[in-house]
């Protein structure tokens, strides 16, 4: 698990190219995970990670990790190196969303 310090992401600073068999994923978290890198994987593919950042939008802000350009499939979101926080289905042309659980217990799947 890695942590970094990143400034906020402003409106329009994340560009997602969607279409065909390519989608994207947003993992919504609390502010307490700011800077943490959350790993995801599809099947037996290697894990990729993205840092949780504050995302400023017109109506306020929220914290999330964004995964652009994902091939369609079922993705595991990893709580830590061995524990799953859950799974999500990514479809081409669509942004999938996942809410980070408040506890690893009961979230493994």
C-alpha atoms as a PDB file:
ATOM      1  CA  UNK A   1       0.000   0.000   0.000  1.00  0.00           C
ATOM      2  CA  UNK A   2       1.431   3.362  -1.021  1.00  0.00           C
ATOM      3  CA  UNK A   3       0.508   6.879   0.013  1.00  0.00           C
ATOM      4  CA  UNK A   4       1.322  10.166  -1.672  1.00  0.00           C
ATOM      5  CA  UNK A   5       0.438  13.787  -1.223  1.00  0.00           C
ATOM      6  CA  UNK A   6      -1.465  15.266  -4.141  1.00  0.00           C
ATOM      7  CA  UNK A   7      -3.234  18.556  -4.488  1.00  0.00           C
ATOM      8  CA  UNK A   8      -6.899  18.686  -5.449  1.00  0.00           C
ATOM      9  CA  UNK A   9      -8.085  17.861  -8.934  1.00  0.00           C
ATOM     10  CA  UNK A  10     -10.117  20.702 -10.418  1.00  0.00           C
ATOM     11  CA  UNK A  11     -13.208  20.380 -12.617  1.00  0.00           C
ATOM     12  CA  UNK A  12     -12.291  19.219 -16.110  1.00  0.00           C
ATOM     13  CA  UNK A  13      -8.773  18.058 -15.210  1.00  0.00           C
ATOM     14  CA  UNK A  14      -9.511  14.339 -15.715  1.00  0.00           C
ATOM     15  CA  UNK A  15     -10.205  13.241 -19.278  1.00  0.00           C
ATOM     16  CA  UNK A  16     -11.767   9.834 -19.896  1.00  0.00           C
ATOM     17  CA  UNK A  17     -11.876   8.288 -23.352  1.00  0.00           C
ATOM     18  CA  UNK A  18     -14.763   5.828 -23.428  1.00  0.00           C
ATOM     19  CA  UNK A  19     -16.066   3.625 -26.188  1.00  0.00           C
ATOM     20  CA  UNK A  20     -15.927   0.195 -27.760  1.00  0.00           C
ATOM     21  CA  UNK A  21     -14.634  -2.191 -25.099  1.00  0.00           C
ATOM     22  CA  UNK A  22     -13.038   0.603 -23.027  1.00  0.00           C
ATOM     23  CA  UNK A  23     -14.624   1.965 -19.869  1.00  0.00           C
ATOM     24  CA  UNK A  24     -13.507   3.679 -16.665  1.00  0.00           C
ATOM     25  CA  UNK A  25     -13.941   3.266 -12.917  1.00  0.00           C
ATOM     26  CA  UNK A  26     -14.343   5.760 -10.083  1.00  0.00           C
ATOM     27  CA  UNK A  27     -13.845   4.500  -6.515  1.00  0.00           C
ATOM     28  CA  UNK A  28     -15.453   6.935  -4.056  1.00  0.00           C
ATOM     29  CA  UNK A  29     -13.821   7.132  -0.632  1.00  0.00           C
ATOM     30  CA  UNK A  30     -13.770   9.322   2.426  1.00  0.00           C
ATOM     31  CA  UNK A  31     -11.335  12.164   2.985  1.00  0.00           C
ATOM     32  CA  UNK A  32      -9.379   9.904   5.391  1.00  0.00           C
ATOM     33  CA  UNK A  33      -7.969   7.952   2.414  1.00  0.00           C
ATOM     34  CA  UNK A  34      -6.505  11.046   0.699  1.00  0.00           C
ATOM     35  CA  UNK A  35      -3.179  10.042  -0.866  1.00  0.00           C
ATOM     36  CA  UNK A  36      -3.686   6.282  -0.523  1.00  0.00           C
ATOM     37  CA  UNK A  37      -3.189   4.243  -3.668  1.00  0.00           C
ATOM     38  CA  UNK A  38      -5.949   1.699  -4.203  1.00  0.00           C
ATOM     39  CA  UNK A  39      -5.187  -1.314  -6.369  1.00  0.00           C
ATOM     40  CA  UNK A  40      -7.592  -3.023  -8.776  1.00  0.00           C
ATOM     41  CA  UNK A  41      -7.228  -6.054 -11.034  1.00  0.00           C
ATOM     42  CA  UNK A  42      -9.201  -7.877 -13.713  1.00  0.00           C
ATOM     43  CA  UNK A  43      -9.071 -11.658 -13.415  1.00  0.00           C
ATOM     44  CA  UNK A  44      -5.449 -12.751 -13.268  1.00  0.00           C
ATOM     45  CA  UNK A  45      -4.157  -9.504 -14.823  1.00  0.00           C
ATOM     46  CA  UNK A  46      -1.563  -7.578 -12.852  1.00  0.00           C
ATOM     47  CA  UNK A  47      -2.865  -4.988 -10.429  1.00  0.00           C
ATOM     48  CA  UNK A  48      -2.956  -1.308 -11.282  1.00  0.00           C
ATOM     49  CA  UNK A  49      -3.327   1.511  -8.804  1.00  0.00           C
ATOM     50  CA  UNK A  50      -4.569   5.062  -8.572  1.00  0.00           C
ATOM     51  CA  UNK A  51      -4.230   7.604  -5.791  1.00  0.00           C
ATOM     52  CA  UNK A  52      -7.206   8.968  -3.888  1.00  0.00           C
ATOM     53  CA  UNK A  53      -7.443  12.700  -4.482  1.00  0.00           C
ATOM     54  CA  UNK A  54      -9.811  15.483  -3.627  1.00  0.00           C
ATOM     55  CA  UNK A  55     -11.985  16.204  -6.662  1.00  0.00           C
ATOM     56  CA  UNK A  56     -13.368  19.728  -6.739  1.00  0.00           C
ATOM     57  CA  UNK A  57     -16.591  20.186  -8.665  1.00  0.00           C
ATOM     58  CA  UNK A  58     -19.058  23.013  -9.056  1.00  0.00           C
ATOM     59  CA  UNK A  59     -21.161  21.960  -6.042  1.00  0.00           C
ATOM     60  CA  UNK A  60     -18.314  21.098  -3.632  1.00  0.00           C
ATOM     61  CA  UNK A  61     -15.746  18.342  -3.431  1.00  0.00           C
ATOM     62  CA  UNK A  62     -15.379  14.606  -2.875  1.00  0.00           C
ATOM     63  CA  UNK A  63     -12.521  12.097  -2.682  1.00  0.00           C
ATOM     64  CA  UNK A  64     -11.977   9.331  -5.209  1.00  0.00           C
ATOM     65  CA  UNK A  65      -9.517   7.253  -7.197  1.00  0.00           C
ATOM     66  CA  UNK A  66     -10.038   7.299 -10.977  1.00  0.00           C
ATOM     67  CA  UNK A  67      -9.071   4.489 -13.341  1.00  0.00           C
ATOM     68  CA  UNK A  68      -9.319   5.537 -17.015  1.00  0.00           C
ATOM     69  CA  UNK A  69      -9.017   3.372 -20.116  1.00  0.00           C
ATOM     70  CA  UNK A  70     -10.024   0.012 -18.600  1.00  0.00           C
ATOM     71  CA  UNK A  71     -10.829  -2.974 -20.805  1.00  0.00           C
ATOM     72  CA  UNK A  72     -14.342  -4.250 -20.083  1.00  0.00           C
ATOM     73  CA  UNK A  73     -14.541  -6.956 -17.424  1.00  0.00           C
ATOM     74  CA  UNK A  74     -15.048  -7.759 -13.758  1.00  0.00           C
ATOM     75  CA  UNK A  75     -12.566  -5.939 -11.515  1.00  0.00           C
ATOM     76  CA  UNK A  76     -11.557  -6.663  -7.932  1.00  0.00           C
ATOM     77  CA  UNK A  77     -10.923  -3.605  -5.761  1.00  0.00           C
ATOM     78  CA  UNK A  78      -8.268  -4.488  -3.172  1.00  0.00           C
ATOM     79  CA  UNK A  79      -8.550  -3.422   0.479  1.00  0.00           C
ATOM     80  CA  UNK A  80      -4.962  -4.553   1.028  1.00  0.00           C
ATOM     81  CA  UNK A  81      -2.564  -7.076  -0.527  1.00  0.00           C
ATOM     82  CA  UNK A  82      -4.803 -10.091   0.190  1.00  0.00           C
ATOM     83  CA  UNK A  83      -8.283  -8.764   1.052  1.00  0.00           C
ATOM     84  CA  UNK A  84     -10.882  -7.768  -1.518  1.00  0.00           C
ATOM     85  CA  UNK A  85     -13.009  -4.696  -0.823  1.00  0.00           C
ATOM     86  CA  UNK A  86     -15.441  -5.859  -3.512  1.00  0.00           C
ATOM     87  CA  UNK A  87     -15.914  -6.267  -7.244  1.00  0.00           C
ATOM     88  CA  UNK A  88     -17.357  -4.110  -9.989  1.00  0.00           C
ATOM     89  CA  UNK A  89     -18.278  -4.703 -13.609  1.00  0.00           C
ATOM     90  CA  UNK A  90     -16.745  -2.288 -16.119  1.00  0.00           C
ATOM     91  CA  UNK A  91     -18.476  -1.997 -19.504  1.00  0.00           C
ATOM     92  CA  UNK A  92     -17.220  -0.316 -22.656  1.00  0.00           C
ATOM     93  CA  UNK A  93     -18.385   3.265 -23.086  1.00  0.00           C
ATOM     94  CA  UNK A  94     -19.469   3.598 -19.437  1.00  0.00           C
ATOM     95  CA  UNK A  95     -18.036   4.897 -16.162  1.00  0.00           C
ATOM     96  CA  UNK A  96     -18.485   2.297 -13.404  1.00  0.00           C
ATOM     97  CA  UNK A  97     -18.706   3.484  -9.791  1.00  0.00           C
ATOM     98  CA  UNK A  98     -17.757   1.800  -6.502  1.00  0.00           C
ATOM     99  CA  UNK A  99     -18.212   3.114  -2.956  1.00  0.00           C
ATOM    100  CA  UNK A 100     -15.276   2.197  -0.707  1.00  0.00           C
ATOM    101  CA  UNK A 101     -16.596   0.237   2.311  1.00  0.00           C
ATOM    102  CA  UNK A 102     -16.067   1.545   5.829  1.00  0.00           C
ATOM    103  CA  UNK A 103     -14.635  -1.813   6.952  1.00  0.00           C
ATOM    104  CA  UNK A 104     -12.860  -4.764   5.326  1.00  0.00           C
ATOM    105  CA  UNK A 105     -15.049  -7.125   7.360  1.00  0.00           C
ATOM    106  CA  UNK A 106     -18.104  -8.070   5.361  1.00  0.00           C
ATOM    107  CA  UNK A 107     -16.629  -6.298   2.316  1.00  0.00           C
ATOM    108  CA  UNK A 108     -14.475  -9.182   1.133  1.00  0.00           C
ATOM    109  CA  UNK A 109     -15.910 -10.853  -1.905  1.00  0.00           C
END
